[in-house]
Amino acid sequence: MRGESAHKLVAGHTTFIGAATVPGVLLSMGKFPGLVPGRGRVVGEVWRLDAPELLPTLDKYEGYNFERRFTVATLARGRRVRAMVYRYRGSRNHPIVPEGDWRKHRCR
């Protein structure tokens, strides 16, 4: 998302599509979130990566506990698009982020 550290890695190589939600639950691991499967919605943004050669850079940034997966994102006006997410595959022993919204959670 805009303003997050990973966004700096791809700045200038992406096109903003829109605000969106994806299925799942968001966990708080202190300084960063982790998306896991679940019965909720997680708030985020959809971006088109115009330089796919940056995927290994993003993979390295996310680390071994995150795997790149495809899901369906729902844009603000209801349009559904195929989107890539990084799912957390480590311990689930972390607090759940209320409403699935990392920005709201982080700003508290």
PDB file of N, CA and C in Angstrom:
ATOM      1  N   MET A   1       0.839  -1.179   0.000  1.00  0.00           N
ATOM      2  CA  MET A   1       0.000   0.000   0.000  1.00  0.00           C
ATOM      3  C   MET A   1       0.888   1.249   0.000  1.00  0.00           C
ATOM      4  N   ARG A   2       0.316   2.336  -0.485  1.00  0.00           N
ATOM      5  CA  ARG A   2       1.048   3.595  -0.468  1.00  0.00           C
ATOM      6  C   ARG A   2       1.523   3.902   0.946  1.00  0.00           C
ATOM      7  N   GLY A   3       2.745   4.381   1.016  1.00  0.00           N
ATOM      8  CA  GLY A   3       3.304   4.757   2.302  1.00  0.00           C
ATOM      9  C   GLY A   3       3.948   3.625   3.072  1.00  0.00           C
ATOM     10  N   GLU A   4       3.746   2.400   2.654  1.00  0.00           N
ATOM     11  CA  GLU A   4       4.360   1.255   3.321  1.00  0.00           C
ATOM     12  C   GLU A   4       5.743   0.997   2.707  1.00  0.00           C
ATOM     13  N   SER A   5       6.608   0.342   3.462  1.00  0.00           N
ATOM     14  CA  SER A   5       7.995   0.184   3.028  1.00  0.00           C
ATOM     15  C   SER A   5       8.146  -0.605   1.726  1.00  0.00           C
ATOM     16  N   ALA A   6       7.327  -1.604   1.477  1.00  0.00           N
ATOM     17  CA  ALA A   6       7.449  -2.383   0.235  1.00  0.00           C
ATOM     18  C   ALA A   6       7.106  -1.535  -0.984  1.00  0.00           C
ATOM     19  N   HIS A   7       6.266  -0.541  -0.800  1.00  0.00           N
ATOM     20  CA  HIS A   7       5.886   0.309  -1.929  1.00  0.00           C
ATOM     21  C   HIS A   7       7.106   1.039  -2.491  1.00  0.00           C
ATOM     22  N   LYS A   8       8.030   1.391  -1.629  1.00  0.00           N
ATOM     23  CA  LYS A   8       9.253   2.075  -2.069  1.00  0.00           C
ATOM     24  C   LYS A   8      10.081   1.202  -3.008  1.00  0.00           C
ATOM     25  N   LEU A   9       9.999  -0.111  -2.839  1.00  0.00           N
ATOM     26  CA  LEU A   9      10.769  -1.031  -3.679  1.00  0.00           C
ATOM     27  C   LEU A   9      10.311  -1.024  -5.136  1.00  0.00           C
ATOM     28  N   VAL A  10       9.043  -0.704  -5.361  1.00  0.00           N
ATOM     29  CA  VAL A  10       8.486  -0.774  -6.718  1.00  0.00           C
ATOM     30  C   VAL A  10       8.025   0.588  -7.241  1.00  0.00           C
ATOM     31  N   ALA A  11       8.301   1.640  -6.486  1.00  0.00           N
ATOM     32  CA  ALA A  11       7.887   2.987  -6.902  1.00  0.00           C
ATOM     33  C   ALA A  11       8.402   3.282  -8.307  1.00  0.00           C
ATOM     34  N   GLY A  12       7.532   3.821  -9.135  1.00  0.00           N
ATOM     35  CA  GLY A  12       7.891   4.123 -10.513  1.00  0.00           C
ATOM     36  C   GLY A  12       7.697   2.949 -11.464  1.00  0.00           C
ATOM     37  N   HIS A  13       7.343   1.791 -10.910  1.00  0.00           N
ATOM     38  CA  HIS A  13       7.157   0.589 -11.721  1.00  0.00           C
ATOM     39  C   HIS A  13       5.773  -0.026 -11.512  1.00  0.00           C
ATOM     40  N   THR A  14       4.836   0.785 -11.023  1.00  0.00           N
ATOM     41  CA  THR A  14       3.486   0.300 -10.742  1.00  0.00           C
ATOM     42  C   THR A  14       2.448   1.312 -11.204  1.00  0.00           C
ATOM     43  N   THR A  15       1.233   0.808 -11.390  1.00  0.00           N
ATOM     44  CA  THR A  15       0.093   1.658 -11.716  1.00  0.00           C
ATOM     45  C   THR A  15      -1.010   1.356 -10.703  1.00  0.00           C
ATOM     46  N   PHE A  16      -1.517   2.398 -10.051  1.00  0.00           N
ATOM     47  CA  PHE A  16      -2.575   2.223  -9.054  1.00  0.00           C
ATOM     48  C   PHE A  16      -3.885   1.879  -9.745  1.00  0.00           C
ATOM     49  N   ILE A  17      -4.518   0.791  -9.302  1.00  0.00           N
ATOM     50  CA  ILE A  17      -5.809   0.364  -9.846  1.00  0.00           C
ATOM     51  C   ILE A  17      -6.940   0.836  -8.938  1.00  0.00           C
ATOM     52  N   GLY A  18      -6.789   0.647  -7.615  1.00  0.00           N
ATOM     53  CA  GLY A  18      -7.812   1.122  -6.703  1.00  0.00           C
ATOM     54  C   GLY A  18      -7.766   0.463  -5.343  1.00  0.00           C
ATOM     55  N   ALA A  19      -8.507   1.053  -4.409  1.00  0.00           N
ATOM     56  CA  ALA A  19      -8.680   0.457  -3.088  1.00  0.00           C
ATOM     57  C   ALA A  19      -9.497  -0.820  -3.259  1.00  0.00           C
ATOM     58  N   ALA A  20      -9.219  -1.803  -2.410  1.00  0.00           N
ATOM     59  CA  ALA A  20      -9.891  -3.088  -2.568  1.00  0.00           C
ATOM     60  C   ALA A  20      -9.875  -3.862  -1.256  1.00  0.00           C
ATOM     61  N   THR A  21     -10.623  -4.963  -1.243  1.00  0.00           N
ATOM     62  CA  THR A  21     -10.554  -5.919  -0.138  1.00  0.00           C
ATOM     63  C   THR A  21     -10.306  -7.301  -0.724  1.00  0.00           C
ATOM     64  N   VAL A  22      -9.707  -8.161   0.097  1.00  0.00           N
ATOM     65  CA  VAL A  22      -9.498  -9.560  -0.275  1.00  0.00           C
ATOM     66  C   VAL A  22     -10.000 -10.429   0.867  1.00  0.00           C
ATOM     67  N   PRO A  23     -10.348 -11.666   0.590  1.00  0.00           N
ATOM     68  CA  PRO A  23     -10.798 -12.547   1.665  1.00  0.00           C
ATOM     69  C   PRO A  23      -9.634 -12.904   2.581  1.00  0.00           C
ATOM     70  N   GLY A  24      -9.935 -13.025   3.874  1.00  0.00           N
ATOM     71  CA  GLY A  24      -8.923 -13.456   4.828  1.00  0.00           C
ATOM     72  C   GLY A  24      -9.012 -12.708   6.134  1.00  0.00           C
ATOM     73  N   VAL A  25      -8.024 -12.952   6.957  1.00  0.00           N
ATOM     74  CA  VAL A  25      -7.899 -12.322   8.263  1.00  0.00           C
ATOM     75  C   VAL A  25      -6.504 -11.730   8.332  1.00  0.00           C
ATOM     76  N   LEU A  26      -6.389 -10.571   8.972  1.00  0.00           N
ATOM     77  CA  LEU A  26      -5.103  -9.912   9.085  1.00  0.00           C
ATOM     78  C   LEU A  26      -4.594 -10.046  10.514  1.00  0.00           C
ATOM     79  N   LEU A  27      -3.339 -10.492  10.639  1.00  0.00           N
ATOM     80  CA  LEU A  27      -2.700 -10.616  11.943  1.00  0.00           C
ATOM     81  C   LEU A  27      -1.706  -9.478  12.126  1.00  0.00           C
ATOM     82  N   SER A  28      -1.531  -9.037  13.362  1.00  0.00           N
ATOM     83  CA  SER A  28      -0.534  -8.020  13.677  1.00  0.00           C
ATOM     84  C   SER A  28       0.683  -8.689  14.276  1.00  0.00           C
ATOM     85  N   MET A  29       1.825  -8.475  13.619  1.00  0.00           N
ATOM     86  CA  MET A  29       3.079  -9.025  14.124  1.00  0.00           C
ATOM     87  C   MET A  29       4.011  -7.896  14.539  1.00  0.00           C
ATOM     88  N   GLY A  30       3.432  -6.882  15.129  1.00  0.00           N
ATOM     89  CA  GLY A  30       4.227  -5.739  15.574  1.00  0.00           C
ATOM     90  C   GLY A  30       4.327  -4.685  14.494  1.00  0.00           C
ATOM     91  N   LYS A  31       5.426  -4.681  13.774  1.00  0.00           N
ATOM     92  CA  LYS A  31       5.667  -3.650  12.768  1.00  0.00           C
ATOM     93  C   LYS A  31       5.068  -3.961  11.407  1.00  0.00           C
ATOM     94  N   PHE A  32       4.546  -5.156  11.235  1.00  0.00           N
ATOM     95  CA  PHE A  32       3.975  -5.516   9.943  1.00  0.00           C
ATOM     96  C   PHE A  32       2.812  -6.483  10.128  1.00  0.00           C
ATOM     97  N   PRO A  33       1.942  -6.562   9.094  1.00  0.00           N
ATOM     98  CA  PRO A  33       0.789  -7.459   9.157  1.00  0.00           C
ATOM     99  C   PRO A  33       1.056  -8.777   8.432  1.00  0.00           C
ATOM    100  N   GLY A  34       0.182  -9.733   8.654  1.00  0.00           N
ATOM    101  CA  GLY A  34       0.230 -10.996   7.930  1.00  0.00           C
ATOM    102  C   GLY A  34      -1.171 -11.435   7.547  1.00  0.00           C
ATOM    103  N   LEU A  35      -1.389 -11.662   6.270  1.00  0.00           N
ATOM    104  CA  LEU A  35      -2.676 -12.129   5.756  1.00  0.00           C
ATOM    105  C   LEU A  35      -2.729 -13.647   5.858  1.00  0.00           C
ATOM    106  N   VAL A  36      -3.801 -14.150   6.452  1.00  0.00           N
ATOM    107  CA  VAL A  36      -4.010 -15.592   6.554  1.00  0.00           C
ATOM    108  C   VAL A  36      -5.422 -15.912   6.068  1.00  0.00           C
ATOM    109  N   PRO A  37      -5.663 -17.152   5.641  1.00  0.00           N
ATOM    110  CA  PRO A  37      -7.021 -17.520   5.240  1.00  0.00           C
ATOM    111  C   PRO A  37      -7.982 -17.379   6.424  1.00  0.00           C
ATOM    112  N   GLY A  38      -9.209 -17.005   6.136  1.00  0.00           N
ATOM    113  CA  GLY A  38     -10.211 -16.884   7.188  1.00  0.00           C
ATOM    114  C   GLY A  38     -11.486 -16.275   6.656  1.00  0.00           C
ATOM    115  N   ARG A  39     -12.462 -16.130   7.536  1.00  0.00           N
ATOM    116  CA  ARG A  39     -13.794 -15.641   7.163  1.00  0.00           C
ATOM    117  C   ARG A  39     -13.928 -14.145   7.367  1.00  0.00           C
ATOM    118  N   GLY A  40     -13.064 -13.392   6.802  1.00  0.00           N
ATOM    119  CA  GLY A  40     -13.145 -11.953   6.927  1.00  0.00           C
ATOM    120  C   GLY A  40     -12.761 -11.287   5.620  1.00  0.00           C
ATOM    121  N   ARG A  41     -12.607  -9.980   5.674  1.00  0.00           N
ATOM    122  CA  ARG A  41     -12.152  -9.189   4.530  1.00  0.00           C
ATOM    123  C   ARG A  41     -10.990  -8.338   5.011  1.00  0.00           C
ATOM    124  N   VAL A  42      -9.986  -8.225   4.191  1.00  0.00           N
ATOM    125  CA  VAL A  42      -8.800  -7.437   4.508  1.00  0.00           C
ATOM    126  C   VAL A  42      -8.722  -6.267   3.537  1.00  0.00           C
ATOM    127  N   VAL A  43      -8.511  -5.091   4.078  1.00  0.00           N
ATOM    128  CA  VAL A  43      -8.462  -3.850   3.307  1.00  0.00           C
ATOM    129  C   VAL A  43      -7.067  -3.667   2.714  1.00  0.00           C
ATOM    130  N   GLY A  44      -7.021  -3.241   1.450  1.00  0.00           N
ATOM    131  CA  GLY A  44      -5.741  -2.987   0.811  1.00  0.00           C
ATOM    132  C   GLY A  44      -5.894  -2.187  -0.460  1.00  0.00           C
ATOM    133  N   GLU A  45      -4.897  -2.298  -1.314  1.00  0.00           N
ATOM    134  CA  GLU A  45      -4.883  -1.608  -2.601  1.00  0.00           C
ATOM    135  C   GLU A  45      -4.438  -2.574  -3.677  1.00  0.00           C
ATOM    136  N   VAL A  46      -4.962  -2.383  -4.881  1.00  0.00           N
ATOM    137  CA  VAL A  46      -4.538  -3.176  -6.027  1.00  0.00           C
ATOM    138  C   VAL A  46      -3.650  -2.290  -6.901  1.00  0.00           C
ATOM    139  N   TRP A  47      -2.501  -2.819  -7.220  1.00  0.00           N
ATOM    140  CA  TRP A  47      -1.531  -2.152  -8.090  1.00  0.00           C
ATOM    141  C   TRP A  47      -1.158  -3.095  -9.215  1.00  0.00           C
ATOM    142  N   ARG A  48      -0.950  -2.563 -10.404  1.00  0.00           N
ATOM    143  CA  ARG A  48      -0.395  -3.370 -11.498  1.00  0.00           C
ATOM    144  C   ARG A  48       1.115  -3.196 -11.452  1.00  0.00           C
ATOM    145  N   LEU A  49       1.834  -4.303 -11.413  1.00  0.00           N
ATOM    146  CA  LEU A  49       3.290  -4.271 -11.433  1.00  0.00           C
ATOM    147  C   LEU A  49       3.735  -4.231 -12.887  1.00  0.00           C
ATOM    148  N   ASP A  50       4.273  -3.082 -13.312  1.00  0.00           N
ATOM    149  CA  ASP A  50       4.669  -2.888 -14.698  1.00  0.00           C
ATOM    150  C   ASP A  50       6.056  -3.461 -14.996  1.00  0.00           C
ATOM    151  N   ALA A  51       6.741  -3.936 -13.970  1.00  0.00           N
ATOM    152  CA  ALA A  51       8.080  -4.519 -14.122  1.00  0.00           C
ATOM    153  C   ALA A  51       8.109  -5.858 -13.388  1.00  0.00           C
ATOM    154  N   PRO A  52       7.579  -6.926 -14.016  1.00  0.00           N
ATOM    155  CA  PRO A  52       7.499  -8.219 -13.330  1.00  0.00           C
ATOM    156  C   PRO A  52       8.857  -8.767 -12.889  1.00  0.00           C
ATOM    157  N   GLU A  53       9.932  -8.236 -13.446  1.00  0.00           N
ATOM    158  CA  GLU A  53      11.258  -8.682 -13.023  1.00  0.00           C
ATOM    159  C   GLU A  53      11.553  -8.283 -11.563  1.00  0.00           C
ATOM    160  N   LEU A  54      10.690  -7.442 -10.979  1.00  0.00           N
ATOM    161  CA  LEU A  54      10.842  -7.055  -9.575  1.00  0.00           C
ATOM    162  C   LEU A  54      10.218  -8.063  -8.609  1.00  0.00           C
ATOM    163  N   LEU A  55       9.516  -9.072  -9.120  1.00  0.00           N
ATOM    164  CA  LEU A  55       8.894 -10.064  -8.228  1.00  0.00           C
ATOM    165  C   LEU A  55       9.910 -10.740  -7.302  1.00  0.00           C
ATOM    166  N   PRO A  56      11.089 -11.156  -7.783  1.00  0.00           N
ATOM    167  CA  PRO A  56      12.064 -11.749  -6.849  1.00  0.00           C
ATOM    168  C   PRO A  56      12.494 -10.769  -5.745  1.00  0.00           C
ATOM    169  N   THR A  57      12.546  -9.486  -6.047  1.00  0.00           N
ATOM    170  CA  THR A  57      12.876  -8.479  -5.035  1.00  0.00           C
ATOM    171  C   THR A  57      11.780  -8.425  -3.978  1.00  0.00           C
ATOM    172  N   LEU A  58      10.518  -8.455  -4.412  1.00  0.00           N
ATOM    173  CA  LEU A  58       9.406  -8.466  -3.461  1.00  0.00           C
ATOM    174  C   LEU A  58       9.390  -9.754  -2.633  1.00  0.00           C
ATOM    175  N   ASP A  59       9.655 -10.886  -3.290  1.00  0.00           N
ATOM    176  CA  ASP A  59       9.704 -12.166  -2.575  1.00  0.00           C
ATOM    177  C   ASP A  59      10.755 -12.119  -1.463  1.00  0.00           C
ATOM    178  N   LYS A  60      11.913 -11.583  -1.788  1.00  0.00           N
ATOM    179  CA  LYS A  60      12.998 -11.494  -0.804  1.00  0.00           C
ATOM    180  C   LYS A  60      12.604 -10.563   0.335  1.00  0.00           C
ATOM    181  N   TYR A  61      11.996  -9.438   0.001  1.00  0.00           N
ATOM    182  CA  TYR A  61      11.543  -8.492   1.018  1.00  0.00           C
ATOM    183  C   TYR A  61      10.547  -9.153   1.973  1.00  0.00           C
ATOM    184  N   GLU A  62       9.569  -9.866   1.429  1.00  0.00           N
ATOM    185  CA  GLU A  62       8.538 -10.502   2.253  1.00  0.00           C
ATOM    186  C   GLU A  62       9.121 -11.598   3.140  1.00  0.00           C
ATOM    187  N   GLY A  63      10.092 -12.332   2.646  1.00  0.00           N
ATOM    188  CA  GLY A  63      10.750 -13.349   3.460  1.00  0.00           C
ATOM    189  C   GLY A  63      10.128 -14.731   3.345  1.00  0.00           C
ATOM    190  N   TYR A  64      10.778 -15.674   4.013  1.00  0.00           N
ATOM    191  CA  TYR A  64      10.402 -17.085   3.874  1.00  0.00           C
ATOM    192  C   TYR A  64       9.045 -17.428   4.474  1.00  0.00           C
ATOM    193  N   ASN A  65       8.538 -16.633   5.409  1.00  0.00           N
ATOM    194  CA  ASN A  65       7.243 -16.937   6.027  1.00  0.00           C
ATOM    195  C   ASN A  65       6.055 -16.435   5.217  1.00  0.00           C
ATOM    196  N   PHE A  66       6.317 -15.868   4.056  1.00  0.00           N
ATOM    197  CA  PHE A  66       5.244 -15.355   3.208  1.00  0.00           C
ATOM    198  C   PHE A  66       5.348 -15.993   1.831  1.00  0.00           C
ATOM    199  N   GLU A  67       4.210 -16.429   1.302  1.00  0.00           N
ATOM    200  CA  GLU A  67       4.214 -17.001  -0.043  1.00  0.00           C
ATOM    201  C   GLU A  67       3.279 -16.210  -0.942  1.00  0.00           C
ATOM    202  N   ARG A  68       3.726 -16.037  -2.166  1.00  0.00           N
ATOM    203  CA  ARG A  68       2.945 -15.301  -3.158  1.00  0.00           C
ATOM    204  C   ARG A  68       1.828 -16.201  -3.656  1.00  0.00           C
ATOM    205  N   ARG A  69       0.591 -15.685  -3.599  1.00  0.00           N
ATOM    206  CA  ARG A  69      -0.587 -16.443  -4.033  1.00  0.00           C
ATOM    207  C   ARG A  69      -1.508 -15.514  -4.813  1.00  0.00           C
ATOM    208  N   PHE A  70      -2.366 -16.107  -5.612  1.00  0.00           N
ATOM    209  CA  PHE A  70      -3.388 -15.320  -6.311  1.00  0.00           C
ATOM    210  C   PHE A  70      -4.717 -15.459  -5.582  1.00  0.00           C
ATOM    211  N   THR A  71      -5.487 -14.376  -5.604  1.00  0.00           N
ATOM    212  CA  THR A  71      -6.806 -14.348  -4.991  1.00  0.00           C
ATOM    213  C   THR A  71      -7.685 -13.415  -5.822  1.00  0.00           C
ATOM    214  N   VAL A  72      -8.920 -13.259  -5.414  1.00  0.00           N
ATOM    215  CA  VAL A  72      -9.823 -12.311  -6.072  1.00  0.00           C
ATOM    216  C   VAL A  72      -9.991 -11.113  -5.152  1.00  0.00           C
ATOM    217  N   ALA A  73      -9.664  -9.949  -5.659  1.00  0.00           N
ATOM    218  CA  ALA A  73      -9.836  -8.698  -4.912  1.00  0.00           C
ATOM    219  C   ALA A  73     -11.107  -8.021  -5.407  1.00  0.00           C
ATOM    220  N   THR A  74     -11.817  -7.395  -4.479  1.00  0.00           N
ATOM    221  CA  THR A  74     -13.022  -6.643  -4.818  1.00  0.00           C
ATOM    222  C   THR A  74     -12.703  -5.159  -4.688  1.00  0.00           C
ATOM    223  N   LEU A  75     -12.768  -4.456  -5.817  1.00  0.00           N
ATOM    224  CA  LEU A  75     -12.496  -3.023  -5.822  1.00  0.00           C
ATOM    225  C   LEU A  75     -13.656  -2.273  -5.186  1.00  0.00           C
ATOM    226  N   ALA A  76     -13.422  -1.013  -4.838  1.00  0.00           N
ATOM    227  CA  ALA A  76     -14.403  -0.207  -4.100  1.00  0.00           C
ATOM    228  C   ALA A  76     -15.774  -0.176  -4.761  1.00  0.00           C
ATOM    229  N   ARG A  77     -15.836  -0.173  -6.079  1.00  0.00           N
ATOM    230  CA  ARG A  77     -17.143  -0.108  -6.760  1.00  0.00           C
ATOM    231  C   ARG A  77     -17.727  -1.483  -7.076  1.00  0.00           C
ATOM    232  N   GLY A  78     -17.119  -2.543  -6.527  1.00  0.00           N
ATOM    233  CA  GLY A  78     -17.663  -3.877  -6.678  1.00  0.00           C
ATOM    234  C   GLY A  78     -17.030  -4.734  -7.758  1.00  0.00           C
ATOM    235  N   ARG A  79     -16.227  -4.153  -8.621  1.00  0.00           N
ATOM    236  CA  ARG A  79     -15.558  -4.946  -9.667  1.00  0.00           C
ATOM    237  C   ARG A  79     -14.555  -5.893  -9.016  1.00  0.00           C
ATOM    238  N   ARG A  80     -14.526  -7.121  -9.528  1.00  0.00           N
ATOM    239  CA  ARG A  80     -13.616  -8.133  -8.990  1.00  0.00           C
ATOM    240  C   ARG A  80     -12.474  -8.344  -9.973  1.00  0.00           C
ATOM    241  N   VAL A  81     -11.252  -8.431  -9.428  1.00  0.00           N
ATOM    242  CA  VAL A  81     -10.065  -8.625 -10.254  1.00  0.00           C
ATOM    243  C   VAL A  81      -9.168  -9.680  -9.619  1.00  0.00           C
ATOM    244  N   ARG A  82      -8.404 -10.340 -10.451  1.00  0.00           N
ATOM    245  CA  ARG A  82      -7.408 -11.299  -9.958  1.00  0.00           C
ATOM    246  C   ARG A  82      -6.217 -10.505  -9.449  1.00  0.00           C
ATOM    247  N   ALA A  83      -5.768 -10.839  -8.239  1.00  0.00           N
ATOM    248  CA  ALA A  83      -4.675 -10.084  -7.632  1.00  0.00           C
ATOM    249  C   ALA A  83      -3.715 -11.021  -6.907  1.00  0.00           C
ATOM    250  N   MET A  84      -2.486 -10.606  -6.826  1.00  0.00           N
ATOM    251  CA  MET A  84      -1.467 -11.348  -6.102  1.00  0.00           C
ATOM    252  C   MET A  84      -1.381 -10.795  -4.682  1.00  0.00           C
ATOM    253  N   VAL A  85      -1.273 -11.684  -3.722  1.00  0.00           N
ATOM    254  CA  VAL A  85      -1.077 -11.300  -2.327  1.00  0.00           C
ATOM    255  C   VAL A  85       0.065 -12.148  -1.758  1.00  0.00           C
ATOM    256  N   TYR A  86       0.594 -11.705  -0.651  1.00  0.00           N
ATOM    257  CA  TYR A  86       1.555 -12.516   0.096  1.00  0.00           C
ATOM    258  C   TYR A  86       0.848 -13.024   1.337  1.00  0.00           C
ATOM    259  N   ARG A  87       0.686 -14.346   1.415  1.00  0.00           N
ATOM    260  CA  ARG A  87       0.036 -14.966   2.575  1.00  0.00           C
ATOM    261  C   ARG A  87       1.094 -15.355   3.596  1.00  0.00           C
ATOM    262  N   TYR A  88       0.765 -15.070   4.839  1.00  0.00           N
ATOM    263  CA  TYR A  88       1.638 -15.444   5.950  1.00  0.00           C
ATOM    264  C   TYR A  88       1.451 -16.922   6.243  1.00  0.00           C
ATOM    265  N   ARG A  89       2.550 -17.643   6.397  1.00  0.00           N
ATOM    266  CA  ARG A  89       2.435 -19.073   6.664  1.00  0.00           C
ATOM    267  C   ARG A  89       3.171 -19.490   7.937  1.00  0.00           C
ATOM    268  N   GLY A  90       3.424 -18.524   8.809  1.00  0.00           N
ATOM    269  CA  GLY A  90       4.069 -18.804  10.088  1.00  0.00           C
ATOM    270  C   GLY A  90       3.042 -19.042  11.186  1.00  0.00           C
ATOM    271  N   SER A  91       3.477 -18.850  12.416  1.00  0.00           N
ATOM    272  CA  SER A  91       2.625 -19.062  13.589  1.00  0.00           C
ATOM    273  C   SER A  91       1.414 -18.137  13.551  1.00  0.00           C
ATOM    274  N   ARG A  92       0.280 -18.689  13.925  1.00  0.00           N
ATOM    275  CA  ARG A  92      -0.955 -17.887  13.977  1.00  0.00           C
ATOM    276  C   ARG A  92      -1.160 -17.283  15.365  1.00  0.00           C
ATOM    277  N   ASN A  93      -0.154 -17.368  16.200  1.00  0.00           N
ATOM    278  CA  ASN A  93      -0.252 -16.874  17.573  1.00  0.00           C
ATOM    279  C   ASN A  93       0.044 -15.371  17.629  1.00  0.00           C
ATOM    280  N   HIS A  94      -0.748 -14.596  16.900  1.00  0.00           N
ATOM    281  CA  HIS A  94      -0.620 -13.141  16.842  1.00  0.00           C
ATOM    282  C   HIS A  94      -2.015 -12.536  16.947  1.00  0.00           C
ATOM    283  N   PRO A  95      -2.110 -11.305  17.456  1.00  0.00           N
ATOM    284  CA  PRO A  95      -3.427 -10.666  17.546  1.00  0.00           C
ATOM    285  C   PRO A  95      -4.045 -10.425  16.169  1.00  0.00           C
ATOM    286  N   ILE A  96      -5.347 -10.534  16.096  1.00  0.00           N
ATOM    287  CA  ILE A  96      -6.081 -10.234  14.860  1.00  0.00           C
ATOM    288  C   ILE A  96      -6.265  -8.723  14.761  1.00  0.00           C
ATOM    289  N   VAL A  97      -6.064  -8.190  13.572  1.00  0.00           N
ATOM    290  CA  VAL A  97      -6.279  -6.766  13.321  1.00  0.00           C
ATOM    291  C   VAL A  97      -7.777  -6.552  13.119  1.00  0.00           C
ATOM    292  N   PRO A  98      -8.404  -5.767  13.992  1.00  0.00           N
ATOM    293  CA  PRO A  98      -9.843  -5.532  13.857  1.00  0.00           C
ATOM    294  C   PRO A  98     -10.185  -4.924  12.494  1.00  0.00           C
ATOM    295  N   GLU A  99     -11.260  -5.357  11.926  1.00  0.00           N
ATOM    296  CA  GLU A  99     -11.765  -4.859  10.644  1.00  0.00           C
ATOM    297  C   GLU A  99     -10.822  -5.135   9.480  1.00  0.00           C
ATOM    298  N   GLY A 100      -9.720  -5.863   9.694  1.00  0.00           N
ATOM    299  CA  GLY A 100      -8.812  -6.190   8.609  1.00  0.00           C
ATOM    300  C   GLY A 100      -8.132  -4.993   7.978  1.00  0.00           C
ATOM    301  N   ASP A 101      -8.015  -3.912   8.725  1.00  0.00           N
ATOM    302  CA  ASP A 101      -7.490  -2.661   8.169  1.00  0.00           C
ATOM    303  C   ASP A 101      -6.191  -2.273   8.877  1.00  0.00           C
ATOM    304  N   TRP A 102      -5.065  -2.526   8.217  1.00  0.00           N
ATOM    305  CA  TRP A 102      -3.755  -2.279   8.813  1.00  0.00           C
ATOM    306  C   TRP A 102      -3.524  -0.798   9.100  1.00  0.00           C
ATOM    307  N   ARG A 103      -3.950   0.072   8.214  1.00  0.00           N
ATOM    308  CA  ARG A 103      -3.733   1.513   8.444  1.00  0.00           C
ATOM    309  C   ARG A 103      -4.467   1.989   9.694  1.00  0.00           C
ATOM    310  N   LYS A 104      -5.707   1.602   9.845  1.00  0.00           N
ATOM    311  CA  LYS A 104      -6.453   2.001  11.049  1.00  0.00           C
ATOM    312  C   LYS A 104      -5.777   1.439  12.303  1.00  0.00           C
ATOM    313  N   HIS A 105      -5.357   0.204  12.233  1.00  0.00           N
ATOM    314  CA  HIS A 105      -4.723  -0.458  13.358  1.00  0.00           C
ATOM    315  C   HIS A 105      -3.402   0.221  13.724  1.00  0.00           C
ATOM    316  N   ARG A 106      -2.599   0.496  12.740  1.00  0.00           N
ATOM    317  CA  ARG A 106      -1.275   1.078  12.953  1.00  0.00           C
ATOM    318  C   ARG A 106      -1.362   2.496  13.506  1.00  0.00           C
ATOM    319  N   CYS A 107      -2.397   3.224  13.140  1.00  0.00           N
ATOM    320  CA  CYS A 107      -2.530   4.626  13.557  1.00  0.00           C
ATOM    321  C   CYS A 107      -3.147   4.789  14.941  1.00  0.00           C
ATOM    322  N   ARG A 108      -3.502   3.704  15.588  1.00  0.00           N
ATOM    323  CA  ARG A 108      -4.121   3.805  16.928  1.00  0.00           C
ATOM    324  C   ARG A 108      -3.090   4.092  17.984  1.00  0.00           C
TER     325      ARG A 108
END
